[in-house]
Amino acid sequence: MSTRRTPSVLVMAKAPRAGTVKTRLHPLLGPDGCAVLQAELIRHTLEMTSSHGLRTYVAYAPGAGEESPGDVTLPGVRLMVQRGENLGQRLTSAVVEAFADGAGPLLVIGTDAPTLTRDHLTVALSSLEHKEVVLGPALDGGYYLIGMRHPHVGLFGIDAALWSTDRVLAATRAVAAEEGLSVELLRPLRDLDTPEDAAALLADPVMPYRIAALLQPTEAV
């Protein structure tokens, strides 16, 4: 039985809970400031994907209790809970669930690249018209976007110890080569993870104003 496919984007996000998000920015903003920043990053990302007209999914890591990013999501956004012991397993579960719901082609992004724009999504979708996988390299050696026409979840099967290191992109490209998948690379972007990232992004003219306004040093608590 055939299933009608809809171009979609899957956003992987942590609920904006103080003390559990953006911990490397605590020296700059403190735990509460980082939680506010995370909420704004989610809101900005969803406004960008929704304005593009893409079906949007959010796979959230709720942390403790019943928390979800529901108060910063938009109407029509489809929520799912991240499942798995490491990022690779959580990505696999969410991608399989999105494709089972009729998504495709699917772009998977996080909320850490504030200079990601609708144009990047357009280019990524265009790349998938002639490539099987598209990757958006992050300057830290990871990736801010991975897109696919079919659920190539083997790409998330890299060594669990490599997640959150500077070898994620290289390891993912190696898996793609082993599986014979054609890959297109997008323009590199900077993730917002450290005070050094914050300083560099504040000098970027395309940095969203509302996010830039939150990157003001305060006494850490």
C-alpha atoms as a PDB file:
ATOM      1  CA  MET A   1       0.000   0.000   0.000  1.00  0.00           C
ATOM      2  CA  SER A   2       1.449   3.379  -0.994  1.00  0.00           C
ATOM      3  CA  THR A   3       1.640   6.262   1.441  1.00  0.00           C
ATOM      4  CA  ARG A   4       1.502   9.881   0.364  1.00  0.00           C
ATOM      5  CA  ARG A   5       4.676  11.635   1.445  1.00  0.00           C
ATOM      6  CA  THR A   6       4.960  15.200   2.724  1.00  0.00           C
ATOM      7  CA  PRO A   7       8.193  17.246   2.829  1.00  0.00           C
ATOM      8  CA  SER A   8       8.866  17.617   6.536  1.00  0.00           C
ATOM      9  CA  VAL A   9      11.329  18.760   9.139  1.00  0.00           C
ATOM     10  CA  LEU A  10      12.046  17.013  12.432  1.00  0.00           C
ATOM     11  CA  VAL A  11      13.391  19.198  15.236  1.00  0.00           C
ATOM     12  CA  MET A  12      15.318  17.457  18.015  1.00  0.00           C
ATOM     13  CA  ALA A  13      15.012  19.560  21.177  1.00  0.00           C
ATOM     14  CA  LYS A  14      15.533  19.453  24.905  1.00  0.00           C
ATOM     15  CA  ALA A  15      12.809  20.926  27.100  1.00  0.00           C
ATOM     16  CA  PRO A  16      13.971  24.335  28.442  1.00  0.00           C
ATOM     17  CA  ARG A  17      14.654  23.240  32.012  1.00  0.00           C
ATOM     18  CA  ALA A  18      17.210  25.188  34.055  1.00  0.00           C
ATOM     19  CA  GLY A  19      20.334  23.197  34.824  1.00  0.00           C
ATOM     20  CA  THR A  20      19.876  20.657  32.014  1.00  0.00           C
ATOM     21  CA  VAL A  21      20.276  22.743  28.842  1.00  0.00           C
ATOM     22  CA  LYS A  22      23.128  24.783  27.380  1.00  0.00           C
ATOM     23  CA  THR A  23      25.355  23.867  30.322  1.00  0.00           C
ATOM     24  CA  ARG A  24      28.531  25.124  28.620  1.00  0.00           C
ATOM     25  CA  LEU A  25      26.936  28.571  28.522  1.00  0.00           C
ATOM     26  CA  HIS A  26      26.322  28.616  32.296  1.00  0.00           C
ATOM     27  CA  PRO A  27      29.435  30.765  32.923  1.00  0.00           C
ATOM     28  CA  LEU A  28      27.944  33.413  30.630  1.00  0.00           C
ATOM     29  CA  LEU A  29      24.201  33.238  31.347  1.00  0.00           C
ATOM     30  CA  GLY A  30      23.662  31.040  34.387  1.00  0.00           C
ATOM     31  CA  PRO A  31      21.235  28.066  34.434  1.00  0.00           C
ATOM     32  CA  ASP A  32      18.069  30.185  34.347  1.00  0.00           C
ATOM     33  CA  GLY A  33      19.358  32.336  31.502  1.00  0.00           C
ATOM     34  CA  CYS A  34      20.259  29.211  29.551  1.00  0.00           C
ATOM     35  CA  ALA A  35      16.727  27.855  30.011  1.00  0.00           C
ATOM     36  CA  VAL A  36      15.287  31.127  28.672  1.00  0.00           C
ATOM     37  CA  LEU A  37      17.721  30.944  25.754  1.00  0.00           C
ATOM     38  CA  GLN A  38      16.730  27.351  25.000  1.00  0.00           C
ATOM     39  CA  ALA A  39      13.040  28.307  24.930  1.00  0.00           C
ATOM     40  CA  GLU A  40      13.786  31.120  22.480  1.00  0.00           C
ATOM     41  CA  LEU A  41      15.919  28.839  20.294  1.00  0.00           C
ATOM     42  CA  ILE A  42      13.016  26.369  20.076  1.00  0.00           C
ATOM     43  CA  ARG A  43      10.530  29.143  19.330  1.00  0.00           C
ATOM     44  CA  HIS A  44      12.752  30.663  16.652  1.00  0.00           C
ATOM     45  CA  THR A  45      13.401  27.294  14.998  1.00  0.00           C
ATOM     46  CA  LEU A  46       9.718  26.401  14.845  1.00  0.00           C
ATOM     47  CA  GLU A  47       8.740  29.819  13.491  1.00  0.00           C
ATOM     48  CA  MET A  48      11.347  29.360  10.757  1.00  0.00           C
ATOM     49  CA  THR A  49      10.254  25.834   9.785  1.00  0.00           C
ATOM     50  CA  SER A  50       6.539  26.647   9.933  1.00  0.00           C
ATOM     51  CA  SER A  51       6.964  29.774   7.813  1.00  0.00           C
ATOM     52  CA  HIS A  52       8.615  27.583   5.184  1.00  0.00           C
ATOM     53  CA  GLY A  53       5.388  25.577   4.933  1.00  0.00           C
ATOM     54  CA  LEU A  54       6.977  22.298   5.973  1.00  0.00           C
ATOM     55  CA  ARG A  55       5.183  19.796   8.169  1.00  0.00           C
ATOM     56  CA  THR A  56       7.050  20.108  11.461  1.00  0.00           C
ATOM     57  CA  TYR A  57       7.718  17.474  14.101  1.00  0.00           C
ATOM     58  CA  VAL A  58       9.382  18.096  17.457  1.00  0.00           C
ATOM     59  CA  ALA A  59      11.048  15.167  19.187  1.00  0.00           C
ATOM     60  CA  TYR A  60      11.704  16.425  22.682  1.00  0.00           C
ATOM     61  CA  ALA A  61      13.785  15.108  25.549  1.00  0.00           C
ATOM     62  CA  PRO A  62      11.529  15.877  28.520  1.00  0.00           C
ATOM     63  CA  GLY A  63      14.039  15.393  31.321  1.00  0.00           C
ATOM     64  CA  ALA A  64      12.370  15.000  34.710  1.00  0.00           C
ATOM     65  CA  GLY A  65       8.640  14.937  35.253  1.00  0.00           C
ATOM     66  CA  GLU A  66       6.097  15.739  32.575  1.00  0.00           C
ATOM     67  CA  GLU A  67       7.919  18.646  31.019  1.00  0.00           C
ATOM     68  CA  SER A  68       7.672  19.248  27.284  1.00  0.00           C
ATOM     69  CA  PRO A  69       8.378  22.189  24.993  1.00  0.00           C
ATOM     70  CA  GLY A  70       4.629  22.531  24.447  1.00  0.00           C
ATOM     71  CA  ASP A  71       4.476  26.131  25.667  1.00  0.00           C
ATOM     72  CA  VAL A  72       6.894  27.208  22.941  1.00  0.00           C
ATOM     73  CA  THR A  73       5.521  25.135  20.089  1.00  0.00           C
ATOM     74  CA  LEU A  74       3.166  26.398  17.417  1.00  0.00           C
ATOM     75  CA  PRO A  75      -0.241  25.157  16.219  1.00  0.00           C
ATOM     76  CA  GLY A  76       0.101  22.205  13.883  1.00  0.00           C
ATOM     77  CA  VAL A  77       3.476  21.096  15.225  1.00  0.00           C
ATOM     78  CA  ARG A  78       3.476  17.365  15.924  1.00  0.00           C
ATOM     79  CA  LEU A  79       5.121  16.338  19.203  1.00  0.00           C
ATOM     80  CA  MET A  80       6.907  13.078  19.931  1.00  0.00           C
ATOM     81  CA  VAL A  81       9.103  11.962  22.820  1.00  0.00           C
ATOM     82  CA  GLN A  82      12.742  11.067  22.212  1.00  0.00           C
ATOM     83  CA  ARG A  83      13.418   7.424  22.983  1.00  0.00           C
ATOM     84  CA  GLY A  84      16.792   5.748  23.364  1.00  0.00           C
ATOM     85  CA  GLU A  85      19.898   5.697  25.512  1.00  0.00           C
ATOM     86  CA  ASN A  86      22.096   7.781  23.201  1.00  0.00           C
ATOM     87  CA  LEU A  87      21.578  10.366  20.493  1.00  0.00           C
ATOM     88  CA  GLY A  88      21.913   7.819  17.710  1.00  0.00           C
ATOM     89  CA  GLN A  89      19.099   5.705  19.141  1.00  0.00           C
ATOM     90  CA  ARG A  90      16.925   8.769  19.743  1.00  0.00           C
ATOM     91  CA  LEU A  91      17.445   9.972  16.172  1.00  0.00           C
ATOM     92  CA  THR A  92      16.632   6.521  14.813  1.00  0.00           C
ATOM     93  CA  SER A  93      13.395   6.286  16.786  1.00  0.00           C
ATOM     94  CA  ALA A  94      12.225   9.774  15.823  1.00  0.00           C
ATOM     95  CA  VAL A  95      13.075   9.409  12.131  1.00  0.00           C
ATOM     96  CA  VAL A  96      11.331   6.039  11.892  1.00  0.00           C
ATOM     97  CA  GLU A  97       8.255   7.526  13.584  1.00  0.00           C
ATOM     98  CA  ALA A  98       8.191  10.543  11.250  1.00  0.00           C
ATOM     99  CA  PHE A  99       8.495   8.433   8.106  1.00  0.00           C
ATOM    100  CA  ALA A 100       5.795   6.100   9.410  1.00  0.00           C
ATOM    101  CA  ASP A 101       3.568   9.184   9.704  1.00  0.00           C
ATOM    102  CA  GLY A 102       4.065  10.024   6.036  1.00  0.00           C
ATOM    103  CA  ALA A 103       7.058  12.353   6.188  1.00  0.00           C
ATOM    104  CA  GLY A 104       9.450  12.463   3.291  1.00  0.00           C
ATOM    105  CA  PRO A 105      11.761  13.871   2.244  1.00  0.00           C
ATOM    106  CA  LEU A 106      12.742  14.611   5.838  1.00  0.00           C
ATOM    107  CA  LEU A 107      15.155  17.208   7.193  1.00  0.00           C
ATOM    108  CA  VAL A 108      16.395  16.656  10.744  1.00  0.00           C
ATOM    109  CA  ILE A 109      17.724  19.655  12.654  1.00  0.00           C
ATOM    110  CA  GLY A 110      18.384  20.746  16.208  1.00  0.00           C
ATOM    111  CA  THR A 111      17.919  24.141  17.814  1.00  0.00           C
ATOM    112  CA  ASP A 112      21.616  24.995  18.224  1.00  0.00           C
ATOM    113  CA  ALA A 113      22.289  26.790  14.922  1.00  0.00           C
ATOM    114  CA  PRO A 114      20.544  30.181  15.199  1.00  0.00           C
ATOM    115  CA  THR A 115      21.756  31.368  11.788  1.00  0.00           C
ATOM    116  CA  LEU A 116      20.011  28.471  10.029  1.00  0.00           C
ATOM    117  CA  THR A 117      17.424  30.010   7.710  1.00  0.00           C
ATOM    118  CA  ARG A 118      14.588  29.040   5.411  1.00  0.00           C
ATOM    119  CA  ASP A 119      17.026  29.337   2.509  1.00  0.00           C
ATOM    120  CA  HIS A 120      19.161  26.557   3.985  1.00  0.00           C
ATOM    121  CA  LEU A 121      16.095  24.330   4.179  1.00  0.00           C
ATOM    122  CA  THR A 122      15.205  25.142   0.574  1.00  0.00           C
ATOM    123  CA  VAL A 123      18.698  24.272  -0.616  1.00  0.00           C
ATOM    124  CA  ALA A 124      18.649  21.045   1.410  1.00  0.00           C
ATOM    125  CA  LEU A 125      15.349  19.939  -0.110  1.00  0.00           C
ATOM    126  CA  SER A 126      16.604  20.802  -3.589  1.00  0.00           C
ATOM    127  CA  SER A 127      19.725  18.718  -2.942  1.00  0.00           C
ATOM    128  CA  LEU A 128      17.558  15.722  -2.102  1.00  0.00           C
ATOM    129  CA  GLU A 129      16.119  15.814  -5.598  1.00  0.00           C
ATOM    130  CA  HIS A 130      19.384  14.348  -6.876  1.00  0.00           C
ATOM    131  CA  LYS A 131      21.183  13.095  -3.739  1.00  0.00           C
ATOM    132  CA  GLU A 132      20.088  10.502  -1.192  1.00  0.00           C
ATOM    133  CA  VAL A 133      21.473  12.351   1.839  1.00  0.00           C
ATOM    134  CA  VAL A 134      22.254  15.981   2.613  1.00  0.00           C
ATOM    135  CA  LEU A 135      24.435  17.116   5.520  1.00  0.00           C
ATOM    136  CA  GLY A 136      24.915  20.585   6.980  1.00  0.00           C
ATOM    137  CA  PRO A 137      28.379  20.657   8.590  1.00  0.00           C
ATOM    138  CA  ALA A 138      28.757  22.441  11.904  1.00  0.00           C
ATOM    139  CA  LEU A 139      32.039  24.221  12.579  1.00  0.00           C
ATOM    140  CA  ASP A 140      32.608  22.013  15.638  1.00  0.00           C
ATOM    141  CA  GLY A 141      32.818  18.823  13.554  1.00  0.00           C
ATOM    142  CA  GLY A 142      29.204  17.762  13.948  1.00  0.00           C
ATOM    143  CA  TYR A 143      26.254  18.613  11.741  1.00  0.00           C
ATOM    144  CA  TYR A 144      23.338  21.004  12.138  1.00  0.00           C
ATOM    145  CA  LEU A 145      21.162  19.259   9.531  1.00  0.00           C
ATOM    146  CA  ILE A 146      20.793  15.821   8.035  1.00  0.00           C
ATOM    147  CA  GLY A 147      18.219  15.169   5.338  1.00  0.00           C
ATOM    148  CA  MET A 148      17.102  12.030   3.543  1.00  0.00           C
ATOM    149  CA  ARG A 149      14.495  10.819   1.083  1.00  0.00           C
ATOM    150  CA  HIS A 150      14.177   7.466   2.847  1.00  0.00           C
ATOM    151  CA  PRO A 151      14.810   6.397   6.465  1.00  0.00           C
ATOM    152  CA  HIS A 152      18.532   5.654   6.209  1.00  0.00           C
ATOM    153  CA  VAL A 153      18.807   5.157   9.964  1.00  0.00           C
ATOM    154  CA  GLY A 154      22.107   3.318   9.588  1.00  0.00           C
ATOM    155  CA  LEU A 155      23.624   6.809   9.450  1.00  0.00           C
ATOM    156  CA  PHE A 156      22.865   7.130  13.160  1.00  0.00           C
ATOM    157  CA  GLY A 157      24.683   3.896  14.012  1.00  0.00           C
ATOM    158  CA  ILE A 158      28.086   5.473  14.565  1.00  0.00           C
ATOM    159  CA  ASP A 159      30.006   4.597  17.714  1.00  0.00           C
ATOM    160  CA  ALA A 160      27.987   6.002  20.619  1.00  0.00           C
ATOM    161  CA  ALA A 161      31.188   7.457  22.088  1.00  0.00           C
ATOM    162  CA  LEU A 162      31.521   9.765  19.066  1.00  0.00           C
ATOM    163  CA  TRP A 163      28.312  11.727  19.629  1.00  0.00           C
ATOM    164  CA  SER A 164      29.021  15.271  20.847  1.00  0.00           C
ATOM    165  CA  THR A 165      32.609  15.078  19.574  1.00  0.00           C
ATOM    166  CA  ASP A 166      34.311  16.707  16.598  1.00  0.00           C
ATOM    167  CA  ARG A 167      34.222  13.389  14.694  1.00  0.00           C
ATOM    168  CA  VAL A 168      30.458  13.084  14.185  1.00  0.00           C
ATOM    169  CA  LEU A 169      30.365  14.455  10.640  1.00  0.00           C
ATOM    170  CA  ALA A 170      33.342  12.409   9.455  1.00  0.00           C
ATOM    171  CA  ALA A 171      31.949   9.217  10.985  1.00  0.00           C
ATOM    172  CA  THR A 172      28.530   9.831   9.428  1.00  0.00           C
ATOM    173  CA  ARG A 173      30.057  10.435   5.999  1.00  0.00           C
ATOM    174  CA  ALA A 174      32.018   7.203   6.375  1.00  0.00           C
ATOM    175  CA  VAL A 175      28.818   5.264   7.078  1.00  0.00           C
ATOM    176  CA  ALA A 176      27.148   6.866   4.060  1.00  0.00           C
ATOM    177  CA  ALA A 177      30.068   5.799   1.872  1.00  0.00           C
ATOM    178  CA  GLU A 178      29.900   2.241   3.229  1.00  0.00           C
ATOM    179  CA  GLU A 179      26.188   2.107   2.424  1.00  0.00           C
ATOM    180  CA  GLY A 180      26.714   3.558  -1.045  1.00  0.00           C
ATOM    181  CA  LEU A 181      24.625   6.667  -0.354  1.00  0.00           C
ATOM    182  CA  SER A 182      25.234   9.832  -2.355  1.00  0.00           C
ATOM    183  CA  VAL A 183      25.787  12.889  -0.120  1.00  0.00           C
ATOM    184  CA  GLU A 184      25.527  16.640  -0.656  1.00  0.00           C
ATOM    185  CA  LEU A 185      27.188  19.053   1.801  1.00  0.00           C
ATOM    186  CA  LEU A 186      25.647  22.410   2.675  1.00  0.00           C
ATOM    187  CA  ARG A 187      27.494  25.522   3.800  1.00  0.00           C
ATOM    188  CA  PRO A 188      28.985  25.165   7.311  1.00  0.00           C
ATOM    189  CA  LEU A 189      27.323  26.993  10.205  1.00  0.00           C
ATOM    190  CA  ARG A 190      28.247  27.627  13.822  1.00  0.00           C
ATOM    191  CA  ASP A 191      26.375  25.999  16.693  1.00  0.00           C
ATOM    192  CA  LEU A 192      25.683  28.044  19.820  1.00  0.00           C
ATOM    193  CA  ASP A 193      27.252  25.976  22.593  1.00  0.00           C
ATOM    194  CA  THR A 194      29.994  27.990  24.291  1.00  0.00           C
ATOM    195  CA  PRO A 195      30.760  31.592  25.265  1.00  0.00           C
ATOM    196  CA  GLU A 196      33.193  31.676  22.328  1.00  0.00           C
ATOM    197  CA  ASP A 197      30.353  30.664  20.004  1.00  0.00           C
ATOM    198  CA  ALA A 198      28.180  33.394  21.492  1.00  0.00           C
ATOM    199  CA  ALA A 199      30.831  36.045  20.836  1.00  0.00           C
ATOM    200  CA  ALA A 200      31.303  34.907  17.246  1.00  0.00           C
ATOM    201  CA  LEU A 201      27.571  34.749  16.543  1.00  0.00           C
ATOM    202  CA  LEU A 202      26.927  38.181  18.030  1.00  0.00           C
ATOM    203  CA  ALA A 203      29.229  39.544  15.316  1.00  0.00           C
ATOM    204  CA  ASP A 204      27.236  37.769  12.603  1.00  0.00           C
ATOM    205  CA  PRO A 205      24.830  40.176  10.851  1.00  0.00           C
ATOM    206  CA  VAL A 206      22.258  37.422  10.262  1.00  0.00           C
ATOM    207  CA  MET A 207      22.025  36.520  13.954  1.00  0.00           C
ATOM    208  CA  PRO A 208      18.335  36.774  15.014  1.00  0.00           C
ATOM    209  CA  TYR A 209      17.781  39.811  17.233  1.00  0.00           C
ATOM    210  CA  ARG A 210      15.760  38.058  19.959  1.00  0.00           C
ATOM    211  CA  ILE A 211      18.474  35.438  20.443  1.00  0.00           C
ATOM    212  CA  ALA A 212      21.273  37.995  20.359  1.00  0.00           C
ATOM    213  CA  ALA A 213      19.461  40.032  23.021  1.00  0.00           C
ATOM    214  CA  LEU A 214      19.611  37.054  25.407  1.00  0.00           C
ATOM    215  CA  LEU A 215      23.365  36.567  25.057  1.00  0.00           C
ATOM    216  CA  GLN A 216      24.252  39.205  27.599  1.00  0.00           C
ATOM    217  CA  PRO A 217      26.585  38.173  30.422  1.00  0.00           C
ATOM    218  CA  THR A 218      25.051  37.907  33.862  1.00  0.00           C
ATOM    219  CA  GLU A 219      26.408  36.621  37.123  1.00  0.00           C
ATOM    220  CA  ALA A 220      26.118  32.821  37.069  1.00  0.00           C
ATOM    221  CA  VAL A 221      23.950  31.376  39.838  1.00  0.00           C
END
